């Protein structure tokens, strides 16, 4: 009796071939019974689905799938002691199948592996997105961070070293200090060497170390 009802498109159904076999009827007679039910088109669409099968002569012939409501309407016309026994068996089997469909399905080993791999890929994609976002935020933050006190001292020492390296005259050094500070501000678009971005500090030091004043050939 377990073969009376089966799962199709996640629904418990039977078909006209099984009904014909169980109730001892010709299949073409069962097909005609379904067509002659006189039910509304809406009921027919929701409870009967026309399909086909290949017979032993390799011919394609029509058949119907039906759910429990469709079967119940069809079987109303089948009477007799044997017919009642089969109707009861069908109803019990439909209920059993519906109960099975409501149970959480246990995944096979392959399905569990696939699900695990999918979760791992999704997690990896999320991590990659987070890393990219962190990288963007870090870049934005780094673009805003200016020199701390120690780094400002390094810039000032580099300026002092370069000016003293280029000029021995005390008075002319003042002019070089002023010129170099002005060119640092222009080069790094800041109002003071203290506002140089930390990410640009090494570039600034190299610039200072290679700086040549316009008045010195």
Protein backbone atom coordinates (compact mmCIF):
# COMPACT_ATOMS: atom_id res chain seq x y z
CA UNK A 1 0.00 0.00 0.00
CA UNK A 2 3.02 2.30 0.38
CA UNK A 3 3.05 2.70 -3.40
CA UNK A 4 -0.44 4.17 -3.57
CA UNK A 5 0.79 7.68 -2.86
CA UNK A 6 4.11 9.33 -3.72
CA UNK A 7 5.76 12.73 -3.59
CA UNK A 8 5.66 14.96 -6.64
CA UNK A 9 6.69 18.66 -6.51
CA UNK A 10 6.74 18.46 -2.71
CA UNK A 11 3.12 17.29 -2.58
CA UNK A 12 1.50 13.92 -1.77
CA UNK A 13 -0.19 12.66 -4.96
CA UNK A 14 -1.32 9.56 -6.79
CA UNK A 15 -1.99 9.12 -10.48
CA UNK A 16 -4.66 7.68 -12.72
CA UNK A 17 -2.55 4.61 -13.60
CA UNK A 18 -2.30 3.56 -9.94
CA UNK A 19 -6.01 4.26 -9.35
CA UNK A 20 -6.92 2.08 -12.36
CA UNK A 21 -4.73 -0.76 -11.13
CA UNK A 22 -5.92 -0.62 -7.50
CA UNK A 23 -9.63 -0.39 -8.31
CA UNK A 24 -9.40 -2.93 -11.15
CA UNK A 25 -10.49 -0.55 -13.89
CA UNK A 26 -9.25 0.17 -17.38
CA UNK A 27 -7.06 3.24 -17.46
CA UNK A 28 -9.02 4.89 -20.27
CA UNK A 29 -12.14 4.48 -18.11
CA UNK A 30 -10.47 6.25 -15.18
CA UNK A 31 -9.36 9.07 -17.49
CA UNK A 32 -12.95 9.46 -18.68
CA UNK A 33 -14.22 9.43 -15.09
CA UNK A 34 -11.86 12.32 -14.28
CA UNK A 35 -12.97 14.28 -17.35
CA UNK A 36 -16.65 13.67 -16.51
CA UNK A 37 -16.43 14.79 -12.87
CA UNK A 38 -18.16 18.06 -13.64
CA UNK A 39 -16.10 19.96 -11.06
CA UNK A 40 -15.27 23.63 -11.46
CA UNK A 41 -12.27 24.60 -13.55
CA UNK A 42 -10.66 26.12 -10.45
CA UNK A 43 -10.97 22.82 -8.55
CA UNK A 44 -9.61 20.88 -11.53
CA UNK A 45 -6.58 23.20 -11.92
CA UNK A 46 -5.67 22.95 -8.23
CA UNK A 47 -6.24 19.22 -7.74
CA UNK A 48 -5.62 17.49 -11.09
CA UNK A 49 -2.60 17.83 -13.37
CA UNK A 50 -2.62 16.26 -16.82
CA UNK A 51 0.62 14.56 -17.77
CA UNK A 52 1.77 11.62 -19.89
CA UNK A 53 3.64 8.32 -19.73
CA UNK A 54 5.32 5.92 -22.15
CA UNK A 55 3.62 2.51 -22.41
CA UNK A 56 5.19 -0.84 -23.20
CA UNK A 57 4.77 -0.17 -26.93
CA UNK A 58 6.84 3.04 -26.50
CA UNK A 59 3.79 5.22 -27.13
CA UNK A 60 3.16 8.43 -25.22
CA UNK A 61 -0.26 8.33 -23.56
CA UNK A 62 -2.10 10.69 -21.20
CA UNK A 63 -2.46 10.29 -17.45
CA UNK A 64 -3.45 12.50 -14.51
CA UNK A 65 -1.76 13.32 -11.25
CA UNK A 66 -4.15 14.12 -8.40
CA UNK A 67 -3.80 15.17 -4.78
CA UNK A 68 -5.96 13.95 -1.91
CA UNK A 69 -8.87 16.27 -2.74
CA UNK A 70 -8.85 15.18 -6.36
CA UNK A 71 -8.68 11.50 -5.45
CA UNK A 72 -11.50 11.86 -2.90
CA UNK A 73 -13.80 13.44 -5.49
CA UNK A 74 -12.96 10.77 -8.07
CA UNK A 75 -13.31 7.84 -5.65
CA UNK A 76 -16.78 8.96 -4.55
CA UNK A 77 -18.12 7.24 -7.65
CA UNK A 78 -16.41 3.92 -6.86
CA UNK A 79 -18.65 1.77 -4.67
CA UNK A 80 -18.64 -1.68 -3.21
CA UNK A 81 -16.86 -3.47 -0.37
CA UNK A 82 -13.50 -3.72 -2.17
CA UNK A 83 -13.68 -0.13 -3.34
CA UNK A 84 -14.29 1.05 0.23
CA UNK A 85 -11.26 -0.90 1.43
CA UNK A 86 -9.06 0.75 -1.19
CA UNK A 87 -10.46 4.21 -0.45
CA UNK A 88 -9.61 3.78 3.23
CA UNK A 89 -6.11 2.62 2.33
CA UNK A 90 -5.65 5.63 0.06
CA UNK A 91 -6.85 8.09 2.71
CA UNK A 92 -4.52 6.58 5.31
CA UNK A 93 -1.60 6.70 2.90
CA UNK A 94 -2.29 10.32 1.95
CA UNK A 95 -2.30 11.26 5.64
CA UNK A 96 0.94 9.37 6.22
CA UNK A 97 2.63 11.11 3.30
CA UNK A 98 1.40 14.53 4.40
CA UNK A 99 2.82 13.82 7.86
CA UNK A 100 6.17 12.82 6.31
CA UNK A 101 6.27 16.03 4.29
CA UNK A 102 5.86 18.10 7.45
CA UNK A 103 8.83 16.43 9.15
CA UNK A 104 12.18 18.21 8.96
CA UNK A 105 14.14 16.44 6.26
CA UNK A 106 17.44 14.87 7.37
CA UNK A 107 20.20 15.85 4.98
CA UNK A 108 22.32 13.17 3.38
CA UNK A 109 26.10 13.19 3.91
CA UNK A 110 26.53 14.75 0.48
CA UNK A 111 23.90 17.41 1.19
CA UNK A 112 25.48 18.19 4.57
CA UNK A 113 28.87 18.55 2.88
CA UNK A 114 27.41 20.83 0.22
CA UNK A 115 25.65 22.93 2.86
CA UNK A 116 28.86 23.18 4.87
CA UNK A 117 30.82 24.24 1.77
CA UNK A 118 28.16 26.84 0.94
CA UNK A 119 28.34 28.27 4.46
CA UNK A 120 32.14 28.35 4.27
CA UNK A 121 32.04 30.18 0.94
CA UNK A 122 29.48 32.65 2.25
CA UNK A 123 31.58 33.22 5.37
CA UNK A 124 34.71 33.73 3.24
CA UNK A 125 32.86 36.23 1.05
CA UNK A 126 31.60 38.11 4.11
CA UNK A 127 35.12 38.18 5.59
CA UNK A 128 36.50 39.50 2.30
CA UNK A 129 33.86 42.24 2.26
CA UNK A 130 34.60 43.17 5.88
CA UNK A 131 38.35 43.24 5.17
CA UNK A 132 37.79 45.50 2.20
CA UNK A 133 35.60 47.80 4.29
CA UNK A 134 38.21 47.85 7.07
CA UNK A 135 40.88 48.63 4.49
CA UNK A 136 38.83 51.52 3.13
CA UNK A 137 38.17 52.89 6.62
CA UNK A 138 41.84 52.49 7.56
CA UNK A 139 42.84 54.34 4.42
CA UNK A 140 40.42 57.13 5.22
CA UNK A 141 41.70 57.34 8.79
CA UNK A 142 45.34 57.28 7.68
CA UNK A 143 44.61 60.10 5.25
CA UNK A 144 43.42 62.20 8.17
CA UNK A 145 46.09 61.43 10.80
CA UNK A 146 48.76 64.11 11.12
CA UNK A 147 52.19 63.91 12.73
CA UNK A 148 52.49 63.37 16.46
CA UNK A 149 54.94 65.38 18.53
CA UNK A 150 57.86 63.01 17.96
CA UNK A 151 57.29 62.92 14.22
CA UNK A 152 57.08 66.71 14.09
CA UNK A 153 60.49 66.82 15.79
CA UNK A 154 61.89 64.50 13.10
CA UNK A 155 60.67 66.85 10.38
CA UNK A 156 62.13 69.86 12.21
CA UNK A 157 65.48 68.11 12.67
CA UNK A 158 65.55 67.25 8.96
CA UNK A 159 64.89 70.91 8.14
CA UNK A 160 67.63 72.05 10.52
CA UNK A 161 70.14 69.56 9.14
CA UNK A 162 69.43 70.53 5.56
CA UNK A 163 69.67 74.29 6.16
CA UNK A 164 72.87 73.98 8.22
CA UNK A 165 74.27 71.69 5.52
CA UNK A 166 73.57 74.26 2.82
CA UNK A 167 74.46 77.54 4.56
CA UNK A 168 77.03 78.67 7.14
CA UNK A 169 75.95 82.30 7.26
CA UNK A 170 73.65 82.82 10.22
CA UNK A 171 71.59 85.60 8.64
CA UNK A 172 71.12 83.79 5.35
CA UNK A 173 70.04 80.64 7.22
CA UNK A 174 66.94 82.48 8.45
CA UNK A 175 65.93 83.09 4.86
CA UNK A 176 66.54 79.44 3.96
CA UNK A 177 64.47 78.28 6.93
CA UNK A 178 61.63 80.53 5.79
CA UNK A 179 61.94 79.38 2.18
CA UNK A 180 62.07 75.69 3.02
CA UNK A 181 59.07 75.89 5.35
CA UNK A 182 57.13 77.73 2.68
CA UNK A 183 57.95 75.11 0.04
CA UNK A 184 57.03 72.28 2.43
CA UNK A 185 53.60 73.88 2.92
CA UNK A 186 53.17 74.27 -0.84
CA UNK A 187 54.44 70.76 -1.61
CA UNK A 188 52.14 69.00 0.90
CA UNK A 189 49.25 71.50 0.83
CA UNK A 190 49.35 72.22 4.56
CA UNK A 191 49.37 75.40 6.66
CA UNK A 192 52.31 74.12 8.73
CA UNK A 193 54.79 71.24 8.62
CA UNK A 194 52.95 70.00 11.73
CA UNK A 195 49.91 69.29 9.57
CA UNK A 196 51.73 66.90 7.24
CA UNK A 197 49.90 63.56 7.11
CA UNK A 198 51.64 60.72 8.88
CA UNK A 199 51.52 58.62 5.72
CA UNK A 200 53.53 61.36 3.95
CA UNK A 201 56.21 61.73 6.62
CA UNK A 202 58.93 59.68 4.89
CA UNK A 203 58.19 61.43 1.60
CA UNK A 204 58.53 64.77 3.36
CA UNK A 205 61.85 63.82 4.94
CA UNK A 206 63.23 62.69 1.56
CA UNK A 207 61.98 65.93 0.01
CA UNK A 208 63.74 67.99 2.72
CA UNK A 209 66.97 66.01 2.45
CA UNK A 210 67.08 66.63 -1.31
CA UNK A 211 65.80 70.20 -1.20
CA UNK A 212 67.82 72.85 -3.03
CA UNK A 213 66.92 76.52 -2.40
CA UNK A 214 66.17 78.65 -5.41
CA UNK A 215 68.89 81.13 -4.47
CA UNK A 216 71.60 78.45 -4.35
CA UNK A 217 72.88 77.05 -7.67
